[in-house]
Amino acid sequence: MPISQGVDQLFKQLIKSYKNSNDENYSEIYPKLLAIHKEITQAPESYSDEQLIIRLTSSALISPKNEQFSQCLRNFLMLYEKKIASLDLLVSYENDNSVEFVAPLAEIPQPEPSITSSRFFKELEEAIRQRRLRMDKQEREKTIIYPFT
């Protein structure tokens, strides 16, 4: 079943609300949101309401440092629950009358992302290095304890 008009409108609001965010991964998230919307516009049958919600929700869950994206998605889900269809939420939320998308931030020129100097990639490289050191240490300890394995 193609994406509903209501969800398409809510998704447009989410994109507008998220525009010019200061989130850590904004330069990666925002273009992907635009690309998803383009896919939906060109081939609405390629997404269902549920598929879009799952994709957005899983993205927000695995990137907790992007608070404004999470807040925009939270508003999207609350408005979906309120206006379109019940999500059978496990929790109830209060002040559902106050759920509104935040106004888009003023235009802020975004610097060109640099893969090599990105904080995310530096942290990732450090985590990989630390893991490699732990694995090497475990291998050395294993060799000392069990020299013939």
C-alpha atoms as a PDB file:
ATOM      1  CA  MET A   1       0.000   0.000   0.000  1.00  0.00           C
ATOM      2  CA  PRO A   2       1.511   3.359  -0.958  1.00  0.00           C
ATOM      3  CA  ILE A   3       2.299   6.025   1.580  1.00  0.00           C
ATOM      4  CA  SER A   4      -0.747   7.989   2.706  1.00  0.00           C
ATOM      5  CA  GLN A   5      -1.157  11.686   2.044  1.00  0.00           C
ATOM      6  CA  GLY A   6      -1.316  12.354   5.777  1.00  0.00           C
ATOM      7  CA  VAL A   7       2.046  10.714   6.403  1.00  0.00           C
ATOM      8  CA  ASP A   8       3.521  12.496   3.390  1.00  0.00           C
ATOM      9  CA  GLN A   9       2.396  15.830   4.873  1.00  0.00           C
ATOM     10  CA  LEU A  10       3.785  14.930   8.308  1.00  0.00           C
ATOM     11  CA  PHE A  11       7.068  13.874   6.701  1.00  0.00           C
ATOM     12  CA  LYS A  12       7.293  17.224   4.876  1.00  0.00           C
ATOM     13  CA  GLN A  13       6.730  18.955   8.232  1.00  0.00           C
ATOM     14  CA  LEU A  14       9.459  16.840   9.823  1.00  0.00           C
ATOM     15  CA  ILE A  15      11.915  17.798   7.062  1.00  0.00           C
ATOM     16  CA  LYS A  16      11.002  21.478   7.337  1.00  0.00           C
ATOM     17  CA  SER A  17      11.324  21.374  11.115  1.00  0.00           C
ATOM     18  CA  TYR A  18      14.701  19.621  10.967  1.00  0.00           C
ATOM     19  CA  LYS A  19      16.163  22.019   8.395  1.00  0.00           C
ATOM     20  CA  ASN A  20      19.252  23.898   9.660  1.00  0.00           C
ATOM     21  CA  SER A  21      19.556  21.787  12.789  1.00  0.00           C
ATOM     22  CA  ASN A  22      22.727  21.855  14.853  1.00  0.00           C
ATOM     23  CA  ASP A  23      22.740  18.078  15.260  1.00  0.00           C
ATOM     24  CA  GLU A  24      26.109  16.373  15.068  1.00  0.00           C
ATOM     25  CA  ASN A  25      25.175  14.364  11.964  1.00  0.00           C
ATOM     26  CA  TYR A  26      22.897  16.948  10.337  1.00  0.00           C
ATOM     27  CA  SER A  27      24.986  17.067   7.162  1.00  0.00           C
ATOM     28  CA  GLU A  28      24.350  13.342   6.698  1.00  0.00           C
ATOM     29  CA  ILE A  29      20.762  13.062   7.954  1.00  0.00           C
ATOM     30  CA  TYR A  30      19.145  16.015   6.181  1.00  0.00           C
ATOM     31  CA  PRO A  31      20.204  15.031   2.630  1.00  0.00           C
ATOM     32  CA  LYS A  32      18.974  11.484   3.314  1.00  0.00           C
ATOM     33  CA  LEU A  33      15.598  12.818   4.454  1.00  0.00           C
ATOM     34  CA  LEU A  34      15.370  14.802   1.209  1.00  0.00           C
ATOM     35  CA  ALA A  35      16.359  11.719  -0.806  1.00  0.00           C
ATOM     36  CA  ILE A  36      13.695   9.607   0.911  1.00  0.00           C
ATOM     37  CA  HIS A  37      11.101  12.279   0.206  1.00  0.00           C
ATOM     38  CA  LYS A  38      12.169  12.374  -3.432  1.00  0.00           C
ATOM     39  CA  GLU A  39      11.772   8.574  -3.626  1.00  0.00           C
ATOM     40  CA  ILE A  40       8.317   8.856  -2.075  1.00  0.00           C
ATOM     41  CA  THR A  41       7.322  11.603  -4.513  1.00  0.00           C
ATOM     42  CA  GLN A  42       8.591   9.748  -7.582  1.00  0.00           C
ATOM     43  CA  ALA A  43       7.406   6.280  -6.589  1.00  0.00           C
ATOM     44  CA  PRO A  44       4.854   6.453  -3.764  1.00  0.00           C
ATOM     45  CA  GLU A  45       4.278   2.709  -3.960  1.00  0.00           C
ATOM     46  CA  SER A  46       7.901   2.122  -2.873  1.00  0.00           C
ATOM     47  CA  TYR A  47       7.052   3.047   0.733  1.00  0.00           C
ATOM     48  CA  SER A  48       4.180   2.351   3.068  1.00  0.00           C
ATOM     49  CA  ASP A  49       3.440   4.425   6.154  1.00  0.00           C
ATOM     50  CA  GLU A  50       4.875   1.655   8.306  1.00  0.00           C
ATOM     51  CA  GLN A  51       8.083   1.310   6.276  1.00  0.00           C
ATOM     52  CA  LEU A  52       8.779   5.030   6.535  1.00  0.00           C
ATOM     53  CA  ILE A  53       8.093   5.063  10.273  1.00  0.00           C
ATOM     54  CA  ILE A  54      10.356   2.055  10.838  1.00  0.00           C
ATOM     55  CA  ARG A  55      13.185   3.581   8.792  1.00  0.00           C
ATOM     56  CA  LEU A  56      12.991   6.921  10.590  1.00  0.00           C
ATOM     57  CA  THR A  57      12.630   5.377  14.041  1.00  0.00           C
ATOM     58  CA  SER A  58      15.518   2.963  13.653  1.00  0.00           C
ATOM     59  CA  SER A  59      17.711   5.820  12.403  1.00  0.00           C
ATOM     60  CA  ALA A  60      16.893   7.903  15.470  1.00  0.00           C
ATOM     61  CA  LEU A  61      17.543   4.999  17.826  1.00  0.00           C
ATOM     62  CA  ILE A  62      21.012   4.205  16.507  1.00  0.00           C
ATOM     63  CA  SER A  63      22.152   7.820  16.484  1.00  0.00           C
ATOM     64  CA  PRO A  64      21.298   9.202  19.949  1.00  0.00           C
ATOM     65  CA  LYS A  65      23.564  12.250  19.592  1.00  0.00           C
ATOM     66  CA  ASN A  66      21.125  13.871  17.172  1.00  0.00           C
ATOM     67  CA  GLU A  67      18.647  15.298  19.647  1.00  0.00           C
ATOM     68  CA  GLN A  68      16.755  17.584  17.294  1.00  0.00           C
ATOM     69  CA  PHE A  69      16.188  14.737  14.827  1.00  0.00           C
ATOM     70  CA  SER A  70      14.871  12.609  17.692  1.00  0.00           C
ATOM     71  CA  GLN A  71      12.575  15.428  18.811  1.00  0.00           C
ATOM     72  CA  CYS A  72      11.277  15.996  15.272  1.00  0.00           C
ATOM     73  CA  LEU A  73      10.623  12.272  14.926  1.00  0.00           C
ATOM     74  CA  ARG A  74       8.888  12.174  18.315  1.00  0.00           C
ATOM     75  CA  ASN A  75       6.578  14.967  17.158  1.00  0.00           C
ATOM     76  CA  PHE A  76       6.009  13.148  13.853  1.00  0.00           C
ATOM     77  CA  LEU A  77       5.006   9.971  15.702  1.00  0.00           C
ATOM     78  CA  MET A  78       2.725  11.777  18.138  1.00  0.00           C
ATOM     79  CA  LEU A  79       0.965  13.606  15.331  1.00  0.00           C
ATOM     80  CA  TYR A  80       0.664  10.350  13.387  1.00  0.00           C
ATOM     81  CA  GLU A  81      -0.850   8.677  16.453  1.00  0.00           C
ATOM     82  CA  LYS A  82      -3.211  11.584  17.015  1.00  0.00           C
ATOM     83  CA  LYS A  83      -4.311  12.387  13.457  1.00  0.00           C
ATOM     84  CA  ILE A  84      -3.826   9.291  11.298  1.00  0.00           C
ATOM     85  CA  ALA A  85      -3.674   5.935  13.047  1.00  0.00           C
ATOM     86  CA  SER A  86      -3.057   4.392  16.420  1.00  0.00           C
ATOM     87  CA  LEU A  87       0.450   3.034  16.880  1.00  0.00           C
ATOM     88  CA  ASP A  88      -0.556   0.860  19.854  1.00  0.00           C
ATOM     89  CA  LEU A  89       2.059   2.648  21.912  1.00  0.00           C
ATOM     90  CA  LEU A  90       3.302   0.935  25.056  1.00  0.00           C
ATOM     91  CA  VAL A  91       3.346   4.245  26.907  1.00  0.00           C
ATOM     92  CA  SER A  92       1.003   7.171  27.010  1.00  0.00           C
ATOM     93  CA  TYR A  93       2.238  10.665  26.518  1.00  0.00           C
ATOM     94  CA  GLU A  94       0.989  13.808  28.129  1.00  0.00           C
ATOM     95  CA  ASN A  95       0.225  17.201  26.636  1.00  0.00           C
ATOM     96  CA  ASP A  96      -0.618  15.737  23.254  1.00  0.00           C
ATOM     97  CA  ASN A  97      -2.419  18.999  22.419  1.00  0.00           C
ATOM     98  CA  SER A  98       0.895  20.831  22.538  1.00  0.00           C
ATOM     99  CA  VAL A  99       2.587  18.596  19.985  1.00  0.00           C
ATOM    100  CA  GLU A 100       3.833  20.851  17.230  1.00  0.00           C
ATOM    101  CA  PHE A 101       6.859  20.803  15.031  1.00  0.00           C
ATOM    102  CA  VAL A 102       9.468  23.284  16.087  1.00  0.00           C
ATOM    103  CA  ALA A 103       9.942  26.180  13.740  1.00  0.00           C
ATOM    104  CA  PRO A 104      12.847  25.727  11.344  1.00  0.00           C
ATOM    105  CA  LEU A 105      16.034  27.328  12.482  1.00  0.00           C
ATOM    106  CA  ALA A 106      17.365  30.356  10.671  1.00  0.00           C
ATOM    107  CA  GLU A 107      19.512  29.602   7.658  1.00  0.00           C
ATOM    108  CA  ILE A 108      22.959  28.690   8.901  1.00  0.00           C
ATOM    109  CA  PRO A 109      25.633  28.030   6.306  1.00  0.00           C
ATOM    110  CA  GLN A 110      26.894  24.513   6.802  1.00  0.00           C
ATOM    111  CA  PRO A 111      30.611  23.850   6.392  1.00  0.00           C
ATOM    112  CA  GLU A 112      31.659  21.160   3.977  1.00  0.00           C
ATOM    113  CA  PRO A 113      31.938  17.902   5.905  1.00  0.00           C
ATOM    114  CA  SER A 114      35.411  16.469   5.983  1.00  0.00           C
ATOM    115  CA  ILE A 115      35.487  12.711   6.330  1.00  0.00           C
ATOM    116  CA  THR A 116      39.007  12.646   7.686  1.00  0.00           C
ATOM    117  CA  SER A 117      38.457  15.340  10.323  1.00  0.00           C
ATOM    118  CA  SER A 118      34.896  14.483  11.306  1.00  0.00           C
ATOM    119  CA  ARG A 119      34.519  13.930  15.047  1.00  0.00           C
ATOM    120  CA  PHE A 120      32.477  10.806  14.367  1.00  0.00           C
ATOM    121  CA  PHE A 121      35.241   9.235  12.271  1.00  0.00           C
ATOM    122  CA  LYS A 122      37.915  10.194  14.783  1.00  0.00           C
ATOM    123  CA  GLU A 123      35.921   8.510  17.557  1.00  0.00           C
ATOM    124  CA  LEU A 124      35.323   5.489  15.340  1.00  0.00           C
ATOM    125  CA  GLU A 125      39.024   5.171  14.504  1.00  0.00           C
ATOM    126  CA  GLU A 126      39.912   5.429  18.202  1.00  0.00           C
ATOM    127  CA  ALA A 127      37.345   2.760  19.129  1.00  0.00           C
ATOM    128  CA  ILE A 128      38.746   0.451  16.436  1.00  0.00           C
ATOM    129  CA  ARG A 129      42.288   1.056  17.666  1.00  0.00           C
ATOM    130  CA  GLN A 130      41.279   0.330  21.282  1.00  0.00           C
ATOM    131  CA  ARG A 131      39.509  -2.865  20.233  1.00  0.00           C
ATOM    132  CA  ARG A 132      42.553  -3.996  18.248  1.00  0.00           C
ATOM    133  CA  LEU A 133      44.761  -3.429  21.313  1.00  0.00           C
ATOM    134  CA  ARG A 134      42.373  -5.437  23.530  1.00  0.00           C
ATOM    135  CA  MET A 135      42.252  -8.282  21.025  1.00  0.00           C
ATOM    136  CA  ASP A 136      46.052  -8.329  20.689  1.00  0.00           C
ATOM    137  CA  LYS A 137      46.404  -8.391  24.475  1.00  0.00           C
ATOM    138  CA  GLN A 138      43.906 -11.258  24.778  1.00  0.00           C
ATOM    139  CA  GLU A 139      45.751 -13.191  22.074  1.00  0.00           C
ATOM    140  CA  ARG A 140      49.096 -12.676  23.844  1.00  0.00           C
ATOM    141  CA  GLU A 141      47.596 -13.813  27.170  1.00  0.00           C
ATOM    142  CA  LYS A 142      46.079 -16.853  25.488  1.00  0.00           C
ATOM    143  CA  THR A 143      49.449 -17.728  23.965  1.00  0.00           C
ATOM    144  CA  ILE A 144      51.175 -17.435  27.339  1.00  0.00           C
ATOM    145  CA  ILE A 145      48.579 -19.553  29.137  1.00  0.00           C
ATOM    146  CA  TYR A 146      48.151 -22.126  26.373  1.00  0.00           C
ATOM    147  CA  PRO A 147      51.394 -22.146  24.418  1.00  0.00           C
ATOM    148  CA  PHE A 148      50.428 -25.093  22.167  1.00  0.00           C
ATOM    149  CA  THR A 149      47.036 -23.911  20.874  1.00  0.00           C
END
